């Protein structure tokens, strides 16, 4: 087992422990923690777009109109990312935790974490055909590992908590969470390739930035909230 994988697993376990503590220590602490995480992710998002748009700005030093257009696009990106993280991600996450169930919130988070670990382990161990051109490190075997490992959260939660009983709906729900989590991961990987960076930061050992760890989660949690409201 590589040192980087050990770091990733250790960081994930520590984060899960912190999440468990925050999850059961009142809504105010949960909300403040969510805002802090969202601010860090927002900063990392904007740094990515700075690197993507940077060369374009440099090439447009003598073209005021083009520079203005790029500047407007950059401000628009800032605004859209801010709106998404503040209202869509943060609000839906808080509602899952506060209005639905704190256990359900942990279930979604654990599913995403296990999906990431499964994708990394099988992708590195088996390798094989590339999944997409967007990210050369993503393989079909890794995607299969993500789906497979995500299902581990079902027995963990269904046998330890009466709120989540095992059934076909929970199985499909789990696989859909893994699917959206993988799409989010691919989307951020695409942006990082455009920005020509490996990690969005250095805050988390084995992962990089906060966005590197929560890339799929920031899409999976809003999706989970939407899906829950559709099936009610």
Protein backbone atom coordinates (compact mmCIF):
# COMPACT_ATOMS: atom_id res chain seq x y z
CA UNK A 1 0.00 0.00 0.00
CA UNK A 2 1.50 3.35 -1.07
CA UNK A 3 2.24 6.17 1.36
CA UNK A 4 -0.13 8.49 -0.52
CA UNK A 5 -3.01 6.00 -0.21
CA UNK A 6 -2.33 5.68 3.53
CA UNK A 7 -2.39 9.46 3.82
CA UNK A 8 -5.68 9.63 1.90
CA UNK A 9 -7.31 6.98 4.08
CA UNK A 10 -5.98 8.57 7.29
CA UNK A 11 -7.21 12.03 6.23
CA UNK A 12 -10.63 10.61 5.27
CA UNK A 13 -10.97 8.83 8.63
CA UNK A 14 -9.99 11.98 10.55
CA UNK A 15 -12.46 14.06 8.52
CA UNK A 16 -15.23 11.53 9.16
CA UNK A 17 -14.53 11.63 12.90
CA UNK A 18 -14.68 15.43 12.84
CA UNK A 19 -17.93 15.25 10.85
CA UNK A 20 -19.44 12.84 13.36
CA UNK A 21 -18.54 15.21 16.20
CA UNK A 22 -19.89 18.28 14.38
CA UNK A 23 -22.97 16.39 13.23
CA UNK A 24 -24.16 15.68 16.75
CA UNK A 25 -23.16 18.96 18.44
CA UNK A 26 -25.95 21.26 17.43
CA UNK A 27 -27.10 23.03 14.28
CA UNK A 28 -25.15 26.24 14.93
CA UNK A 29 -21.76 24.47 15.04
CA UNK A 30 -22.72 22.49 11.94
CA UNK A 31 -23.73 25.66 10.08
CA UNK A 32 -20.55 27.53 11.03
CA UNK A 33 -18.40 24.56 9.96
CA UNK A 34 -20.28 24.37 6.66
CA UNK A 35 -19.72 28.09 6.00
CA UNK A 36 -15.98 27.77 6.74
CA UNK A 37 -15.62 24.79 4.39
CA UNK A 38 -17.61 26.61 1.68
CA UNK A 39 -15.38 29.70 1.96
CA UNK A 40 -12.22 27.60 1.59
CA UNK A 41 -13.68 25.75 -1.40
CA UNK A 42 -14.77 29.06 -2.96
CA UNK A 43 -11.23 30.44 -2.62
CA UNK A 44 -9.76 27.32 -4.24
CA UNK A 45 -12.33 27.46 -7.04
CA UNK A 46 -11.43 31.07 -7.83
CA UNK A 47 -7.71 30.30 -7.80
CA UNK A 48 -8.35 27.64 -10.45
CA UNK A 49 -10.17 30.12 -12.69
CA UNK A 50 -7.41 32.69 -12.15
CA UNK A 51 -4.91 30.20 -13.53
CA UNK A 52 -7.20 29.28 -16.43
CA UNK A 53 -7.91 32.89 -17.41
CA UNK A 54 -4.43 34.22 -16.51
CA UNK A 55 -2.80 33.62 -19.93
CA UNK A 56 -5.81 35.17 -21.65
CA UNK A 57 -5.45 38.33 -19.56
CA UNK A 58 -1.73 38.56 -20.40
CA UNK A 59 -2.41 38.23 -24.12
CA UNK A 60 -5.00 41.01 -23.94
CA UNK A 61 -2.91 43.78 -22.36
CA UNK A 62 -3.30 46.03 -25.37
CA UNK A 63 -6.92 45.21 -26.14
CA UNK A 64 -9.07 47.07 -23.66
CA UNK A 65 -12.36 45.71 -24.93
CA UNK A 66 -11.23 42.10 -24.80
CA UNK A 67 -9.68 42.64 -21.38
CA UNK A 68 -12.97 44.12 -20.19
CA UNK A 69 -14.89 41.15 -21.53
CA UNK A 70 -12.55 38.72 -19.79
CA UNK A 71 -12.76 40.72 -16.59
CA UNK A 72 -16.56 40.54 -16.78
CA UNK A 73 -16.40 36.77 -17.36
CA UNK A 74 -14.10 36.40 -14.35
CA UNK A 75 -16.48 38.41 -12.14
CA UNK A 76 -19.40 36.39 -13.47
CA UNK A 77 -17.59 33.14 -12.60
CA UNK A 78 -16.94 34.48 -9.09
CA UNK A 79 -20.60 35.32 -8.69
CA UNK A 80 -21.91 31.99 -10.04
CA UNK A 81 -19.52 29.91 -7.90
CA UNK A 82 -20.43 31.99 -4.84
CA UNK A 83 -24.17 31.54 -5.48
CA UNK A 84 -23.77 27.80 -6.00
CA UNK A 85 -21.68 27.20 -2.90
CA UNK A 86 -23.69 29.51 -0.66
CA UNK A 87 -27.24 28.75 -1.71
CA UNK A 88 -27.28 25.42 -3.54
CA UNK A 89 -24.55 23.44 -1.80
CA UNK A 90 -24.63 25.01 1.68
CA UNK A 91 -28.41 25.39 1.88
CA UNK A 92 -29.23 21.89 0.60
CA UNK A 93 -26.57 20.39 2.88
CA UNK A 94 -27.99 22.19 5.90
CA UNK A 95 -31.52 21.14 4.98
CA UNK A 96 -30.52 17.48 4.65
CA UNK A 97 -28.92 17.67 8.07
CA UNK A 98 -31.57 19.76 9.80
CA UNK A 99 -34.86 18.94 8.03
CA UNK A 100 -34.27 15.39 6.81
CA UNK A 101 -31.86 13.51 9.06
CA UNK A 102 -28.36 13.94 10.44
CA UNK A 103 -27.91 10.20 9.87
CA UNK A 104 -28.83 10.61 6.21
CA UNK A 105 -26.29 13.40 5.89
CA UNK A 106 -23.55 11.11 7.24
CA UNK A 107 -24.74 8.33 4.94
CA UNK A 108 -24.27 10.53 1.87
CA UNK A 109 -20.85 11.72 3.06
CA UNK A 110 -19.66 8.18 3.86
CA UNK A 111 -20.93 6.94 0.49
CA UNK A 112 -18.91 9.64 -1.28
CA UNK A 113 -15.80 8.92 0.79
CA UNK A 114 -16.03 5.17 0.13
CA UNK A 115 -16.69 5.85 -3.55
CA UNK A 116 -13.49 7.92 -3.76
CA UNK A 117 -11.42 5.32 -1.90
CA UNK A 118 -12.77 2.50 -4.09
CA UNK A 119 -11.99 4.42 -7.25
CA UNK A 120 -8.46 5.20 -6.10
CA UNK A 121 -7.67 1.67 -4.83
CA UNK A 122 -8.98 -0.29 -7.83
CA UNK A 123 -7.81 2.33 -10.30
CA UNK A 124 -4.26 2.12 -8.99
CA UNK A 125 -4.32 -1.67 -8.42
CA UNK A 126 -5.97 -2.86 -11.64
CA UNK A 127 -5.56 0.11 -13.96
CA UNK A 128 -6.70 -0.71 -17.48
CA UNK A 129 -8.64 1.27 -20.03
CA UNK A 130 -9.04 4.99 -19.50
CA UNK A 131 -12.57 6.08 -18.58
CA UNK A 132 -12.46 9.44 -20.35
CA UNK A 133 -10.01 11.88 -21.95
CA UNK A 134 -10.94 14.48 -19.34
CA UNK A 135 -8.76 12.80 -16.73
CA UNK A 136 -6.05 10.32 -17.80
CA UNK A 137 -5.87 8.86 -14.28
CA UNK A 138 -9.54 7.81 -14.24
CA UNK A 139 -10.10 4.23 -15.43
CA UNK A 140 -13.11 1.96 -15.97
CA UNK A 141 -11.84 -0.31 -13.20
CA UNK A 142 -11.61 2.71 -10.90
CA UNK A 143 -15.20 3.70 -11.70
CA UNK A 144 -16.36 0.13 -10.97
CA UNK A 145 -14.45 0.28 -7.69
CA UNK A 146 -16.23 3.54 -6.82
CA UNK A 147 -19.65 1.96 -7.33
CA UNK A 148 -18.66 -1.20 -5.46
CA UNK A 149 -17.09 0.50 -2.44
CA UNK A 150 -19.96 2.99 -2.15
CA UNK A 151 -22.31 0.09 -1.34
CA UNK A 152 -20.34 -0.64 1.84
CA UNK A 153 -22.13 2.30 3.47
CA UNK A 154 -25.45 0.41 3.22
CA UNK A 155 -24.70 -2.40 5.72
CA UNK A 156 -22.83 0.06 7.96
CA UNK A 157 -25.86 2.31 8.32
CA UNK A 158 -28.80 -0.06 7.76
CA UNK A 159 -27.67 -2.45 10.50
CA UNK A 160 -26.68 0.23 12.98
CA UNK A 161 -29.58 2.65 12.55
CA UNK A 162 -33.31 2.06 12.14
CA UNK A 163 -33.68 5.19 9.98
CA UNK A 164 -32.02 3.49 7.01
CA UNK A 165 -33.39 0.02 6.33
CA UNK A 166 -31.90 -1.94 3.46
CA UNK A 167 -34.10 -2.00 0.36
CA UNK A 168 -33.81 -1.57 -3.41
CA UNK A 169 -34.47 2.19 -3.16
CA UNK A 170 -31.54 2.65 -0.80
CA UNK A 171 -29.35 0.59 -3.13
CA UNK A 172 -30.26 2.73 -6.16
CA UNK A 173 -29.89 5.90 -4.09
CA UNK A 174 -26.39 4.82 -3.05
CA UNK A 175 -25.32 4.07 -6.64
CA UNK A 176 -26.71 7.41 -7.86
CA UNK A 177 -24.76 9.25 -5.15
CA UNK A 178 -21.59 7.48 -6.30
CA UNK A 179 -22.38 8.36 -9.93
CA UNK A 180 -22.85 12.08 -9.22
CA UNK A 181 -19.82 12.05 -6.94
CA UNK A 182 -17.72 10.67 -9.81
CA UNK A 183 -19.12 13.27 -12.23
CA UNK A 184 -18.16 16.02 -9.78
CA UNK A 185 -14.68 14.55 -9.49
CA UNK A 186 -14.32 14.50 -13.29
CA UNK A 187 -15.55 18.09 -13.57
CA UNK A 188 -12.99 19.40 -11.08
CA UNK A 189 -10.29 17.23 -12.71
CA UNK A 190 -11.13 18.88 -16.03
CA UNK A 191 -10.78 22.36 -14.49
CA UNK A 192 -7.46 21.41 -12.87
CA UNK A 193 -6.13 20.16 -16.22
CA UNK A 194 -7.16 23.44 -17.85
CA UNK A 195 -5.41 25.32 -15.02
CA UNK A 196 -2.40 22.96 -15.29
CA UNK A 197 -2.34 22.15 -11.59
CA UNK A 198 -2.33 18.83 -9.72
CA UNK A 199 -4.04 19.93 -6.49
CA UNK A 200 -6.24 22.86 -5.52
CA UNK A 201 -4.32 23.37 -2.27
CA UNK A 202 -2.24 21.73 0.44
CA UNK A 203 -4.56 21.79 3.44
CA UNK A 204 -5.33 18.04 3.49
CA UNK A 205 -2.51 15.43 3.47
CA UNK A 206 -2.87 12.89 0.67
CA UNK A 207 -5.59 14.91 -1.04
CA UNK A 208 -4.35 18.46 -1.52
CA UNK A 209 -6.95 21.17 -1.11
CA UNK A 210 -10.39 21.12 0.42
CA UNK A 211 -11.86 21.09 -3.09
CA UNK A 212 -9.79 18.00 -3.95
CA UNK A 213 -11.51 16.18 -1.08
CA UNK A 214 -15.01 17.63 -1.53
CA UNK A 215 -15.09 17.82 -5.35
CA UNK A 216 -17.77 15.16 -5.72
CA UNK A 217 -19.53 15.92 -2.43
CA UNK A 218 -20.40 19.51 -3.39
CA UNK A 219 -22.50 18.02 -6.19
CA UNK A 220 -23.67 14.81 -4.49
CA UNK A 221 -25.26 16.52 -1.47
CA UNK A 222 -27.47 18.94 -3.49
CA UNK A 223 -28.38 16.04 -5.79
CA UNK A 224 -29.34 13.90 -2.78
CA UNK A 225 -31.56 16.66 -1.39
CA UNK A 226 -33.26 17.10 -4.78
CA UNK A 227 -33.78 13.36 -5.17
CA UNK A 228 -35.23 13.02 -1.68
CA UNK A 229 -37.78 15.73 -2.43
CA UNK A 230 -38.71 14.11 -5.74
CA UNK A 231 -39.39 10.65 -4.26
CA UNK A 232 -41.41 11.93 -1.29
